[in-house]
């Protein structure tokens, strides 16, 4: 029939209306307004996306992509997400976070388009690095600055916990992390957010807590400065950032803090990808933003029993081809208020 999709129980106009509502409203609102079950909404979204995705070439002109994974359900349930840095569109989503999963994307992309990729941003996951190196060796892989700084935050937290254990007497032998005592341990526990936050975001109280750490625990304060030194390299970027990384590695190797000595080795292993991020200014911020929107879609729907319905909803909402209301080619123009 010209007014319905093959095998569908609803008209084209009804499908488009439900699909548009599903991208802007909650599950309960769509159910009550359109008087259909949520499983029916999922089937309609899948049909609309099948027509939309099949009518456009989503992978045309790709040169810069971002790859990441997102947890969508408890029990180690993950999705691999690929985003186009140039257009900001969600390109591809698939269950799993393994090499075989990512290989499916490059199989779909094809050898010619794989050869056209110039930059790929990702975290330090080895399975992403191996697949990118094998399927598009000419592409430069850029390490995500947020994840690299997060490594330093994790190392800093290891040092803070050691200082806290020393303060409460949980470590046998002489304390190595600073002064002891219950009052010191309680203060160290309250200083966690001050150590984690960026200096420009500190409150007056948190600034005072950092000053207290500098006076009472030089080892923990040195770990905090190491964290900030690594963050500074990504702030200045370019050649200045490369030189800052060189100085930071030299400092971390001599700091006598095991957590940061290990981190310096990790930085050296990922140095090429870190230098590429400093040179090109590419990060996974766009991918993380897309992941946050996918989580919002999941919350608005109160979860998805069918993973295909979730993928269709994410692609329809974030793939750059959202449905429009039937009979409308552009958003309605609201009357402008008059003054005077």
C-alpha atoms as a PDB file:
ATOM      1  CA  UNK A   1       0.000   0.000   0.000  1.00  0.00           C
ATOM      2  CA  UNK A   2       1.338   3.497  -0.780  1.00  0.00           C
ATOM      3  CA  UNK A   3       0.249   4.781   2.635  1.00  0.00           C
ATOM      4  CA  UNK A   4       1.886   2.062   4.789  1.00  0.00           C
ATOM      5  CA  UNK A   5       5.125   0.098   5.046  1.00  0.00           C
ATOM      6  CA  UNK A   6       5.094  -3.539   4.011  1.00  0.00           C
ATOM      7  CA  UNK A   7       4.041  -5.769   6.882  1.00  0.00           C
ATOM      8  CA  UNK A   8       3.179  -2.834   9.141  1.00  0.00           C
ATOM      9  CA  UNK A   9      -0.078  -2.467  11.034  1.00  0.00           C
ATOM     10  CA  UNK A  10      -0.038   1.325  10.960  1.00  0.00           C
ATOM     11  CA  UNK A  11       0.016   4.029   8.334  1.00  0.00           C
ATOM     12  CA  UNK A  12       3.149   5.940   7.359  1.00  0.00           C
ATOM     13  CA  UNK A  13       1.831   9.067   9.043  1.00  0.00           C
ATOM     14  CA  UNK A  14       1.163   7.203  12.284  1.00  0.00           C
ATOM     15  CA  UNK A  15       4.635   5.637  12.213  1.00  0.00           C
ATOM     16  CA  UNK A  16       6.254   9.035  11.671  1.00  0.00           C
ATOM     17  CA  UNK A  17       4.219  10.596  14.471  1.00  0.00           C
ATOM     18  CA  UNK A  18       5.134   7.851  16.969  1.00  0.00           C
ATOM     19  CA  UNK A  19       8.811   7.910  15.941  1.00  0.00           C
ATOM     20  CA  UNK A  20       8.993  11.684  16.381  1.00  0.00           C
ATOM     21  CA  UNK A  21       7.319  11.498  19.792  1.00  0.00           C
ATOM     22  CA  UNK A  22       9.679   8.706  20.888  1.00  0.00           C
ATOM     23  CA  UNK A  23      12.683  10.963  20.263  1.00  0.00           C
ATOM     24  CA  UNK A  24      11.331  13.914  22.289  1.00  0.00           C
ATOM     25  CA  UNK A  25       9.022  12.450  24.961  1.00  0.00           C
ATOM     26  CA  UNK A  26       9.055   9.806  27.663  1.00  0.00           C
ATOM     27  CA  UNK A  27       7.774   6.272  27.346  1.00  0.00           C
ATOM     28  CA  UNK A  28       4.616   6.912  29.367  1.00  0.00           C
ATOM     29  CA  UNK A  29       3.759  10.040  27.355  1.00  0.00           C
ATOM     30  CA  UNK A  30       4.021   8.205  24.022  1.00  0.00           C
ATOM     31  CA  UNK A  31       1.943   5.287  25.300  1.00  0.00           C
ATOM     32  CA  UNK A  32      -0.839   7.469  26.689  1.00  0.00           C
ATOM     33  CA  UNK A  33      -1.002   9.888  23.772  1.00  0.00           C
ATOM     34  CA  UNK A  34      -0.875   7.332  20.952  1.00  0.00           C
ATOM     35  CA  UNK A  35      -2.616   4.491  22.826  1.00  0.00           C
ATOM     36  CA  UNK A  36      -0.095   1.819  21.862  1.00  0.00           C
ATOM     37  CA  UNK A  37       2.139  -0.537  23.847  1.00  0.00           C
ATOM     38  CA  UNK A  38       5.813   0.296  24.329  1.00  0.00           C
ATOM     39  CA  UNK A  39       6.786  -2.825  22.361  1.00  0.00           C
ATOM     40  CA  UNK A  40       4.778  -1.407  19.458  1.00  0.00           C
ATOM     41  CA  UNK A  41       6.690   1.867  19.739  1.00  0.00           C
ATOM     42  CA  UNK A  42       9.964  -0.080  19.514  1.00  0.00           C
ATOM     43  CA  UNK A  43       8.799  -1.883  16.376  1.00  0.00           C
ATOM     44  CA  UNK A  44       7.732   1.413  14.780  1.00  0.00           C
ATOM     45  CA  UNK A  45      11.089   3.069  15.583  1.00  0.00           C
ATOM     46  CA  UNK A  46      12.928   0.093  14.063  1.00  0.00           C
ATOM     47  CA  UNK A  47      10.857   0.348  10.862  1.00  0.00           C
ATOM     48  CA  UNK A  48      11.339   4.105  10.554  1.00  0.00           C
ATOM     49  CA  UNK A  49      15.097   3.851  11.124  1.00  0.00           C
ATOM     50  CA  UNK A  50      15.389   0.991   8.622  1.00  0.00           C
ATOM     51  CA  UNK A  51      13.873   3.264   5.960  1.00  0.00           C
ATOM     52  CA  UNK A  52      15.864   6.330   7.056  1.00  0.00           C
ATOM     53  CA  UNK A  53      19.214   4.568   7.439  1.00  0.00           C
ATOM     54  CA  UNK A  54      18.787   2.731   4.184  1.00  0.00           C
ATOM     55  CA  UNK A  55      18.033   5.907   2.244  1.00  0.00           C
ATOM     56  CA  UNK A  56      21.216   7.811   3.199  1.00  0.00           C
ATOM     57  CA  UNK A  57      24.928   7.030   3.055  1.00  0.00           C
ATOM     58  CA  UNK A  58      25.959   7.543   6.682  1.00  0.00           C
ATOM     59  CA  UNK A  59      29.631   6.757   6.048  1.00  0.00           C
ATOM     60  CA  UNK A  60      30.284   9.159   3.164  1.00  0.00           C
ATOM     61  CA  UNK A  61      33.306  11.421   3.575  1.00  0.00           C
ATOM     62  CA  UNK A  62      34.522  10.037   6.896  1.00  0.00           C
ATOM     63  CA  UNK A  63      37.966  11.278   7.907  1.00  0.00           C
ATOM     64  CA  UNK A  64      37.826  11.664  11.719  1.00  0.00           C
ATOM     65  CA  UNK A  65      35.986   9.258  14.016  1.00  0.00           C
ATOM     66  CA  UNK A  66      35.762   8.605  17.760  1.00  0.00           C
ATOM     67  CA  UNK A  67      35.354   5.154  19.308  1.00  0.00           C
ATOM     68  CA  UNK A  68      34.215   4.312  22.825  1.00  0.00           C
ATOM     69  CA  UNK A  69      32.086   1.845  24.781  1.00  0.00           C
ATOM     70  CA  UNK A  70      29.094   2.431  27.036  1.00  0.00           C
ATOM     71  CA  UNK A  71      27.436   0.213  29.636  1.00  0.00           C
ATOM     72  CA  UNK A  72      23.701  -0.032  28.999  1.00  0.00           C
ATOM     73  CA  UNK A  73      22.713  -2.668  31.565  1.00  0.00           C
ATOM     74  CA  UNK A  74      24.069  -4.364  34.656  1.00  0.00           C
ATOM     75  CA  UNK A  75      26.024  -7.551  34.194  1.00  0.00           C
ATOM     76  CA  UNK A  76      28.805  -6.389  31.851  1.00  0.00           C
ATOM     77  CA  UNK A  77      26.441  -5.386  29.047  1.00  0.00           C
ATOM     78  CA  UNK A  78      28.205  -2.930  26.740  1.00  0.00           C
ATOM     79  CA  UNK A  79      27.727  -1.152  23.433  1.00  0.00           C
ATOM     80  CA  UNK A  80      30.523  -0.053  21.104  1.00  0.00           C
ATOM     81  CA  UNK A  81      29.825   3.465  19.821  1.00  0.00           C
ATOM     82  CA  UNK A  82      31.366   5.219  16.786  1.00  0.00           C
ATOM     83  CA  UNK A  83      30.860   8.973  16.192  1.00  0.00           C
ATOM     84  CA  UNK A  84      31.807  11.284  13.305  1.00  0.00           C
ATOM     85  CA  UNK A  85      33.885  14.179  14.685  1.00  0.00           C
ATOM     86  CA  UNK A  86      33.162  16.444  11.712  1.00  0.00           C
ATOM     87  CA  UNK A  87      29.371  16.234  11.691  1.00  0.00           C
ATOM     88  CA  UNK A  88      28.823  15.228  15.336  1.00  0.00           C
ATOM     89  CA  UNK A  89      26.553  12.372  14.223  1.00  0.00           C
ATOM     90  CA  UNK A  90      26.280   8.940  15.791  1.00  0.00           C
ATOM     91  CA  UNK A  91      27.472   6.584  13.051  1.00  0.00           C
ATOM     92  CA  UNK A  92      27.270   3.065  14.401  1.00  0.00           C
ATOM     93  CA  UNK A  93      26.282   1.156  17.549  1.00  0.00           C
ATOM     94  CA  UNK A  94      26.657  -2.558  18.249  1.00  0.00           C
ATOM     95  CA  UNK A  95      26.480  -4.802  21.339  1.00  0.00           C
ATOM     96  CA  UNK A  96      29.847  -5.867  22.796  1.00  0.00           C
ATOM     97  CA  UNK A  97      33.247  -4.277  23.334  1.00  0.00           C
ATOM     98  CA  UNK A  98      35.716  -6.653  21.756  1.00  0.00           C
ATOM     99  CA  UNK A  99      37.934  -6.745  18.691  1.00  0.00           C
ATOM    100  CA  UNK A 100      35.344  -8.821  16.844  1.00  0.00           C
ATOM    101  CA  UNK A 101      32.724  -6.146  17.571  1.00  0.00           C
ATOM    102  CA  UNK A 102      34.817  -3.274  16.202  1.00  0.00           C
ATOM    103  CA  UNK A 103      35.854  -5.350  13.185  1.00  0.00           C
ATOM    104  CA  UNK A 104      32.177  -5.429  12.184  1.00  0.00           C
ATOM    105  CA  UNK A 105      32.232  -1.632  11.812  1.00  0.00           C
ATOM    106  CA  UNK A 106      35.324  -1.655   9.606  1.00  0.00           C
ATOM    107  CA  UNK A 107      33.847  -4.510   7.541  1.00  0.00           C
ATOM    108  CA  UNK A 108      30.795  -2.324   6.975  1.00  0.00           C
ATOM    109  CA  UNK A 109      33.007   0.653   6.146  1.00  0.00           C
ATOM    110  CA  UNK A 110      34.999  -1.214   3.483  1.00  0.00           C
ATOM    111  CA  UNK A 111      38.686  -0.982   2.469  1.00  0.00           C
ATOM    112  CA  UNK A 112      38.348   2.239   0.437  1.00  0.00           C
ATOM    113  CA  UNK A 113      36.723   4.210   3.235  1.00  0.00           C
ATOM    114  CA  UNK A 114      39.009   2.701   5.864  1.00  0.00           C
ATOM    115  CA  UNK A 115      41.935   4.053   3.829  1.00  0.00           C
ATOM    116  CA  UNK A 116      40.361   7.548   3.893  1.00  0.00           C
ATOM    117  CA  UNK A 117      40.383   7.800   7.702  1.00  0.00           C
ATOM    118  CA  UNK A 118      42.993  10.253   9.026  1.00  0.00           C
ATOM    119  CA  UNK A 119      42.336  10.536  12.780  1.00  0.00           C
ATOM    120  CA  UNK A 120      40.783   8.136  15.300  1.00  0.00           C
ATOM    121  CA  UNK A 121      40.209   9.175  18.914  1.00  0.00           C
ATOM    122  CA  UNK A 122      39.827   6.575  21.650  1.00  0.00           C
ATOM    123  CA  UNK A 123      40.812   5.794  25.215  1.00  0.00           C
ATOM    124  CA  UNK A 124      43.717   3.508  25.998  1.00  0.00           C
ATOM    125  CA  UNK A 125      41.789   0.256  25.462  1.00  0.00           C
ATOM    126  CA  UNK A 126      44.171  -2.245  23.805  1.00  0.00           C
ATOM    127  CA  UNK A 127      41.410  -3.908  21.771  1.00  0.00           C
ATOM    128  CA  UNK A 128      40.608  -0.597  20.030  1.00  0.00           C
ATOM    129  CA  UNK A 129      44.278   0.150  19.354  1.00  0.00           C
ATOM    130  CA  UNK A 130      44.893  -3.284  17.816  1.00  0.00           C
ATOM    131  CA  UNK A 131      41.898  -3.125  15.485  1.00  0.00           C
ATOM    132  CA  UNK A 132      42.661   0.453  14.356  1.00  0.00           C
ATOM    133  CA  UNK A 133      46.306  -0.419  13.680  1.00  0.00           C
ATOM    134  CA  UNK A 134      45.303  -3.446  11.627  1.00  0.00           C
ATOM    135  CA  UNK A 135      42.306  -2.096   9.676  1.00  0.00           C
ATOM    136  CA  UNK A 136      43.426   1.507   9.007  1.00  0.00           C
ATOM    137  CA  UNK A 137      47.183   1.703   9.642  1.00  0.00           C
ATOM    138  CA  UNK A 138      47.472   5.130   7.997  1.00  0.00           C
ATOM    139  CA  UNK A 139      45.105   6.706  10.564  1.00  0.00           C
ATOM    140  CA  UNK A 140      46.663   8.507  13.523  1.00  0.00           C
ATOM    141  CA  UNK A 141      45.243   7.346  16.848  1.00  0.00           C
ATOM    142  CA  UNK A 142      44.702  10.146  19.391  1.00  0.00           C
ATOM    143  CA  UNK A 143      44.547   9.308  23.093  1.00  0.00           C
ATOM    144  CA  UNK A 144      41.646  10.941  24.897  1.00  0.00           C
ATOM    145  CA  UNK A 145      43.079  13.573  27.307  1.00  0.00           C
ATOM    146  CA  UNK A 146      40.280  13.005  29.828  1.00  0.00           C
ATOM    147  CA  UNK A 147      41.178   9.323  30.191  1.00  0.00           C
ATOM    148  CA  UNK A 148      44.913  10.052  30.436  1.00  0.00           C
ATOM    149  CA  UNK A 149      44.344  12.578  33.228  1.00  0.00           C
ATOM    150  CA  UNK A 150      41.975  10.065  34.862  1.00  0.00           C
ATOM    151  CA  UNK A 151      44.935   7.665  35.092  1.00  0.00           C
ATOM    152  CA  UNK A 152      46.750  10.311  37.146  1.00  0.00           C
ATOM    153  CA  UNK A 153      43.661  10.850  39.322  1.00  0.00           C
ATOM    154  CA  UNK A 154      43.551   7.105  40.024  1.00  0.00           C
ATOM    155  CA  UNK A 155      47.260   7.121  40.953  1.00  0.00           C
ATOM    156  CA  UNK A 156      46.658  10.126  43.224  1.00  0.00           C
ATOM    157  CA  UNK A 157      43.822   8.293  44.965  1.00  0.00           C
ATOM    158  CA  UNK A 158      46.128   5.329  45.602  1.00  0.00           C
ATOM    159  CA  UNK A 159      48.558   7.680  47.378  1.00  0.00           C
ATOM    160  CA  UNK A 160      45.698   9.296  49.347  1.00  0.00           C
ATOM    161  CA  UNK A 161      44.442   5.911  50.548  1.00  0.00           C
ATOM    162  CA  UNK A 162      47.973   4.947  51.589  1.00  0.00           C
ATOM    163  CA  UNK A 163      48.264   8.175  53.575  1.00  0.00           C
ATOM    164  CA  UNK A 164      44.906   7.493  55.217  1.00  0.00           C
ATOM    165  CA  UNK A 165      45.906   3.908  56.128  1.00  0.00           C
ATOM    166  CA  UNK A 166      49.139   5.211  57.636  1.00  0.00           C
ATOM    167  CA  UNK A 167      47.226   7.811  59.640  1.00  0.00           C
ATOM    168  CA  UNK A 168      44.831   5.293  61.214  1.00  0.00           C
ATOM    169  CA  UNK A 169      47.614   2.796  61.889  1.00  0.00           C
ATOM    170  CA  UNK A 170      46.558   0.116  59.428  1.00  0.00           C
ATOM    171  CA  UNK A 171      50.079  -0.138  58.008  1.00  0.00           C
ATOM    172  CA  UNK A 172      52.587  -1.996  60.132  1.00  0.00           C
ATOM    173  CA  UNK A 173      55.893  -0.342  60.864  1.00  0.00           C
ATOM    174  CA  UNK A 174      56.718   3.365  60.695  1.00  0.00           C
ATOM    175  CA  UNK A 175      54.329   5.522  58.706  1.00  0.00           C
ATOM    176  CA  UNK A 176      55.626   6.463  55.263  1.00  0.00           C
ATOM    177  CA  UNK A 177      52.871   8.736  54.072  1.00  0.00           C
ATOM    178  CA  UNK A 178      52.934  11.500  56.646  1.00  0.00           C
ATOM    179  CA  UNK A 179      51.741  12.120  60.202  1.00  0.00           C
ATOM    180  CA  UNK A 180      49.339   9.775  61.970  1.00  0.00           C
ATOM    181  CA  UNK A 181      46.337  10.179  64.216  1.00  0.00           C
ATOM    182  CA  UNK A 182      42.576   9.920  63.975  1.00  0.00           C
ATOM    183  CA  UNK A 183      42.197  13.642  63.364  1.00  0.00           C
ATOM    184  CA  UNK A 184      44.588  13.509  60.434  1.00  0.00           C
ATOM    185  CA  UNK A 185      42.807  10.488  58.917  1.00  0.00           C
ATOM    186  CA  UNK A 186      39.437  12.241  59.142  1.00  0.00           C
ATOM    187  CA  UNK A 187      40.864  15.349  57.499  1.00  0.00           C
ATOM    188  CA  UNK A 188      42.436  13.270  54.703  1.00  0.00           C
ATOM    189  CA  UNK A 189      39.081  11.662  54.045  1.00  0.00           C
ATOM    190  CA  UNK A 190      37.443  15.074  53.689  1.00  0.00           C
ATOM    191  CA  UNK A 191      40.180  16.256  51.290  1.00  0.00           C
ATOM    192  CA  UNK A 192      39.338  13.799  48.525  1.00  0.00           C
ATOM    193  CA  UNK A 193      37.314  16.254  46.410  1.00  0.00           C
ATOM    194  CA  UNK A 194      39.891  18.992  46.827  1.00  0.00           C
ATOM    195  CA  UNK A 195      42.547  16.659  45.411  1.00  0.00           C
ATOM    196  CA  UNK A 196      40.392  15.567  42.489  1.00  0.00           C
ATOM    197  CA  UNK A 197      39.060  18.936  41.323  1.00  0.00           C
ATOM    198  CA  UNK A 198      40.836  21.321  38.966  1.00  0.00           C
ATOM    199  CA  UNK A 199      42.425  24.323  40.725  1.00  0.00           C
ATOM    200  CA  UNK A 200      40.164  26.844  38.959  1.00  0.00           C
ATOM    201  CA  UNK A 201      37.077  25.067  40.344  1.00  0.00           C
ATOM    202  CA  UNK A 202      38.175  24.883  43.992  1.00  0.00           C
ATOM    203  CA  UNK A 203      36.136  26.517  46.721  1.00  0.00           C
ATOM    204  CA  UNK A 204      37.795  28.586  49.433  1.00  0.00           C
ATOM    205  CA  UNK A 205      37.507  25.679  51.874  1.00  0.00           C
ATOM    206  CA  UNK A 206      39.053  23.232  49.406  1.00  0.00           C
ATOM    207  CA  UNK A 207      41.942  25.624  48.757  1.00  0.00           C
ATOM    208  CA  UNK A 208      42.583  25.675  52.495  1.00  0.00           C
ATOM    209  CA  UNK A 209      42.512  21.856  52.563  1.00  0.00           C
ATOM    210  CA  UNK A 210      45.197  21.697  49.874  1.00  0.00           C
ATOM    211  CA  UNK A 211      47.314  24.143  51.856  1.00  0.00           C
ATOM    212  CA  UNK A 212      46.924  21.884  54.917  1.00  0.00           C
ATOM    213  CA  UNK A 213      48.069  18.868  52.853  1.00  0.00           C
ATOM    214  CA  UNK A 214      51.126  20.802  51.648  1.00  0.00           C
ATOM    215  CA  UNK A 215      52.093  21.492  55.285  1.00  0.00           C
ATOM    216  CA  UNK A 216      51.400  18.048  56.752  1.00  0.00           C
ATOM    217  CA  UNK A 217      52.000  15.446  54.004  1.00  0.00           C
ATOM    218  CA  UNK A 218      54.634  16.323  51.421  1.00  0.00           C
ATOM    219  CA  UNK A 219      54.312  12.971  49.628  1.00  0.00           C
ATOM    220  CA  UNK A 220      50.582  13.363  49.003  1.00  0.00           C
ATOM    221  CA  UNK A 221      51.068  16.984  47.962  1.00  0.00           C
ATOM    222  CA  UNK A 222      53.775  15.913  45.503  1.00  0.00           C
ATOM    223  CA  UNK A 223      51.344  13.371  44.028  1.00  0.00           C
ATOM    224  CA  UNK A 224      48.754  16.150  43.628  1.00  0.00           C
ATOM    225  CA  UNK A 225      51.280  18.335  41.794  1.00  0.00           C
ATOM    226  CA  UNK A 226      52.119  15.421  39.488  1.00  0.00           C
ATOM    227  CA  UNK A 227      48.447  15.066  38.607  1.00  0.00           C
ATOM    228  CA  UNK A 228      48.172  18.767  37.857  1.00  0.00           C
ATOM    229  CA  UNK A 229      51.401  18.696  35.840  1.00  0.00           C
ATOM    230  CA  UNK A 230      49.973  16.060  33.515  1.00  0.00           C
ATOM    231  CA  UNK A 231      46.739  18.022  33.135  1.00  0.00           C
ATOM    232  CA  UNK A 232      48.730  21.166  32.282  1.00  0.00           C
ATOM    233  CA  UNK A 233      50.325  19.414  29.285  1.00  0.00           C
ATOM    234  CA  UNK A 234      46.888  18.908  27.707  1.00  0.00           C
ATOM    235  CA  UNK A 235      45.939  22.497  28.485  1.00  0.00           C
ATOM    236  CA  UNK A 236      48.793  24.070  26.512  1.00  0.00           C
ATOM    237  CA  UNK A 237      48.790  21.423  23.714  1.00  0.00           C
ATOM    238  CA  UNK A 238      51.091  21.441  20.675  1.00  0.00           C
ATOM    239  CA  UNK A 239      54.870  21.550  21.018  1.00  0.00           C
ATOM    240  CA  UNK A 240      54.602  23.139  24.450  1.00  0.00           C
ATOM    241  CA  UNK A 241      52.494  20.185  25.532  1.00  0.00           C
ATOM    242  CA  UNK A 242      55.074  17.708  24.201  1.00  0.00           C
ATOM    243  CA  UNK A 243      57.819  19.440  26.162  1.00  0.00           C
ATOM    244  CA  UNK A 244      55.633  19.449  29.271  1.00  0.00           C
ATOM    245  CA  UNK A 245      55.091  15.686  28.885  1.00  0.00           C
ATOM    246  CA  UNK A 246      58.861  15.172  28.604  1.00  0.00           C
ATOM    247  CA  UNK A 247      59.435  17.087  31.825  1.00  0.00           C
ATOM    248  CA  UNK A 248      56.579  15.281  33.544  1.00  0.00           C
ATOM    249  CA  UNK A 249      57.940  11.818  32.658  1.00  0.00           C
ATOM    250  CA  UNK A 250      61.369  12.781  34.006  1.00  0.00           C
ATOM    251  CA  UNK A 251      59.791  14.081  37.210  1.00  0.00           C
ATOM    252  CA  UNK A 252      57.502  11.048  37.667  1.00  0.00           C
ATOM    253  CA  UNK A 253      60.382   8.613  37.248  1.00  0.00           C
ATOM    254  CA  UNK A 254      62.275  10.319  40.105  1.00  0.00           C
ATOM    255  CA  UNK A 255      59.329  10.990  42.427  1.00  0.00           C
ATOM    256  CA  UNK A 256      59.729   7.793  44.509  1.00  0.00           C
ATOM    257  CA  UNK A 257      55.961   7.268  44.482  1.00  0.00           C
ATOM    258  CA  UNK A 258      55.313   3.775  43.038  1.00  0.00           C
ATOM    259  CA  UNK A 259      51.875   4.628  41.644  1.00  0.00           C
ATOM    260  CA  UNK A 260      53.270   7.520  39.584  1.00  0.00           C
ATOM    261  CA  UNK A 261      56.409   5.624  38.570  1.00  0.00           C
ATOM    262  CA  UNK A 262      54.088   2.985  37.088  1.00  0.00           C
ATOM    263  CA  UNK A 263      52.022   5.735  35.475  1.00  0.00           C
ATOM    264  CA  UNK A 264      55.138   7.184  33.819  1.00  0.00           C
ATOM    265  CA  UNK A 265      55.757   3.813  32.170  1.00  0.00           C
ATOM    266  CA  UNK A 266      52.145   3.737  30.979  1.00  0.00           C
ATOM    267  CA  UNK A 267      52.473   7.235  29.526  1.00  0.00           C
ATOM    268  CA  UNK A 268      55.598   6.171  27.637  1.00  0.00           C
ATOM    269  CA  UNK A 269      53.750   3.168  26.178  1.00  0.00           C
ATOM    270  CA  UNK A 270      50.970   5.454  24.878  1.00  0.00           C
ATOM    271  CA  UNK A 271      53.270   8.356  23.973  1.00  0.00           C
ATOM    272  CA  UNK A 272      52.564   8.341  20.226  1.00  0.00           C
ATOM    273  CA  UNK A 273      48.794   8.570  20.754  1.00  0.00           C
ATOM    274  CA  UNK A 274      49.248  11.257  23.435  1.00  0.00           C
ATOM    275  CA  UNK A 275      51.474  13.349  21.158  1.00  0.00           C
ATOM    276  CA  UNK A 276      48.887  13.020  18.375  1.00  0.00           C
ATOM    277  CA  UNK A 277      46.177  14.329  20.718  1.00  0.00           C
ATOM    278  CA  UNK A 278      48.392  17.279  21.650  1.00  0.00           C
ATOM    279  CA  UNK A 279      49.137  18.072  17.996  1.00  0.00           C
ATOM    280  CA  UNK A 280      45.616  17.702  16.580  1.00  0.00           C
ATOM    281  CA  UNK A 281      43.575  18.771  19.602  1.00  0.00           C
ATOM    282  CA  UNK A 282      41.260  15.774  19.190  1.00  0.00           C
ATOM    283  CA  UNK A 283      39.541  14.177  22.185  1.00  0.00           C
ATOM    284  CA  UNK A 284      36.658  11.846  22.955  1.00  0.00           C
ATOM    285  CA  UNK A 285      34.536  14.651  24.414  1.00  0.00           C
ATOM    286  CA  UNK A 286      32.024  14.362  21.553  1.00  0.00           C
ATOM    287  CA  UNK A 287      31.776  10.597  22.056  1.00  0.00           C
ATOM    288  CA  UNK A 288      31.278  11.018  25.809  1.00  0.00           C
ATOM    289  CA  UNK A 289      28.529  13.557  25.103  1.00  0.00           C
ATOM    290  CA  UNK A 290      26.866  11.053  22.764  1.00  0.00           C
ATOM    291  CA  UNK A 291      27.123   8.358  25.440  1.00  0.00           C
ATOM    292  CA  UNK A 292      25.425  10.673  27.921  1.00  0.00           C
ATOM    293  CA  UNK A 293      22.552  11.206  25.462  1.00  0.00           C
ATOM    294  CA  UNK A 294      22.216   7.434  24.980  1.00  0.00           C
ATOM    295  CA  UNK A 295      21.960   7.028  28.760  1.00  0.00           C
ATOM    296  CA  UNK A 296      19.260   9.702  28.767  1.00  0.00           C
ATOM    297  CA  UNK A 297      17.344   7.768  26.088  1.00  0.00           C
ATOM    298  CA  UNK A 298      17.569   4.653  28.266  1.00  0.00           C
ATOM    299  CA  UNK A 299      16.322   6.534  31.350  1.00  0.00           C
ATOM    300  CA  UNK A 300      13.421   8.145  29.480  1.00  0.00           C
ATOM    301  CA  UNK A 301      12.322   4.697  28.278  1.00  0.00           C
ATOM    302  CA  UNK A 302      12.901   3.111  31.712  1.00  0.00           C
ATOM    303  CA  UNK A 303      15.244   0.634  30.043  1.00  0.00           C
ATOM    304  CA  UNK A 304      15.014  -1.505  26.924  1.00  0.00           C
ATOM    305  CA  UNK A 305      14.328  -5.230  26.894  1.00  0.00           C
ATOM    306  CA  UNK A 306      15.254  -5.448  23.217  1.00  0.00           C
ATOM    307  CA  UNK A 307      18.749  -4.199  22.430  1.00  0.00           C
ATOM    308  CA  UNK A 308      17.840  -3.691  18.754  1.00  0.00           C
ATOM    309  CA  UNK A 309      15.107  -1.261  19.827  1.00  0.00           C
ATOM    310  CA  UNK A 310      17.658   0.713  21.857  1.00  0.00           C
ATOM    311  CA  UNK A 311      20.107   0.862  18.941  1.00  0.00           C
ATOM    312  CA  UNK A 312      17.378   1.984  16.533  1.00  0.00           C
ATOM    313  CA  UNK A 313      16.235   4.675  18.965  1.00  0.00           C
ATOM    314  CA  UNK A 314      19.807   5.938  19.464  1.00  0.00           C
ATOM    315  CA  UNK A 315      20.532   6.079  15.736  1.00  0.00           C
ATOM    316  CA  UNK A 316      17.194   7.725  14.973  1.00  0.00           C
ATOM    317  CA  UNK A 317      17.718  10.375  17.681  1.00  0.00           C
ATOM    318  CA  UNK A 318      21.457  11.031  17.276  1.00  0.00           C
ATOM    319  CA  UNK A 319      22.248   9.940  13.717  1.00  0.00           C
ATOM    320  CA  UNK A 320      21.435  13.306  12.161  1.00  0.00           C
ATOM    321  CA  UNK A 321      18.183  12.174  10.507  1.00  0.00           C
ATOM    322  CA  UNK A 322      15.515  12.647  13.148  1.00  0.00           C
ATOM    323  CA  UNK A 323      11.922  12.201  11.937  1.00  0.00           C
ATOM    324  CA  UNK A 324       9.656  15.183  11.434  1.00  0.00           C
ATOM    325  CA  UNK A 325       5.982  15.512  12.180  1.00  0.00           C
ATOM    326  CA  UNK A 326       3.835  14.347   9.244  1.00  0.00           C
ATOM    327  CA  UNK A 327       2.947  17.193   6.888  1.00  0.00           C
ATOM    328  CA  UNK A 328       5.600  19.542   8.278  1.00  0.00           C
ATOM    329  CA  UNK A 329       8.882  20.374   6.566  1.00  0.00           C
ATOM    330  CA  UNK A 330      10.185  22.820   9.148  1.00  0.00           C
ATOM    331  CA  UNK A 331       9.483  23.697  12.808  1.00  0.00           C
ATOM    332  CA  UNK A 332       6.554  26.075  13.267  1.00  0.00           C
ATOM    333  CA  UNK A 333       7.455  29.721  13.664  1.00  0.00           C
ATOM    334  CA  UNK A 334       6.182  31.127  16.947  1.00  0.00           C
ATOM    335  CA  UNK A 335       4.858  34.705  17.009  1.00  0.00           C
ATOM    336  CA  UNK A 336       7.367  37.151  18.449  1.00  0.00           C
ATOM    337  CA  UNK A 337       6.277  39.071  21.561  1.00  0.00           C
ATOM    338  CA  UNK A 338       5.659  42.785  21.136  1.00  0.00           C
ATOM    339  CA  UNK A 339       6.904  45.383  23.550  1.00  0.00           C
ATOM    340  CA  UNK A 340       5.883  48.885  24.266  1.00  0.00           C
END
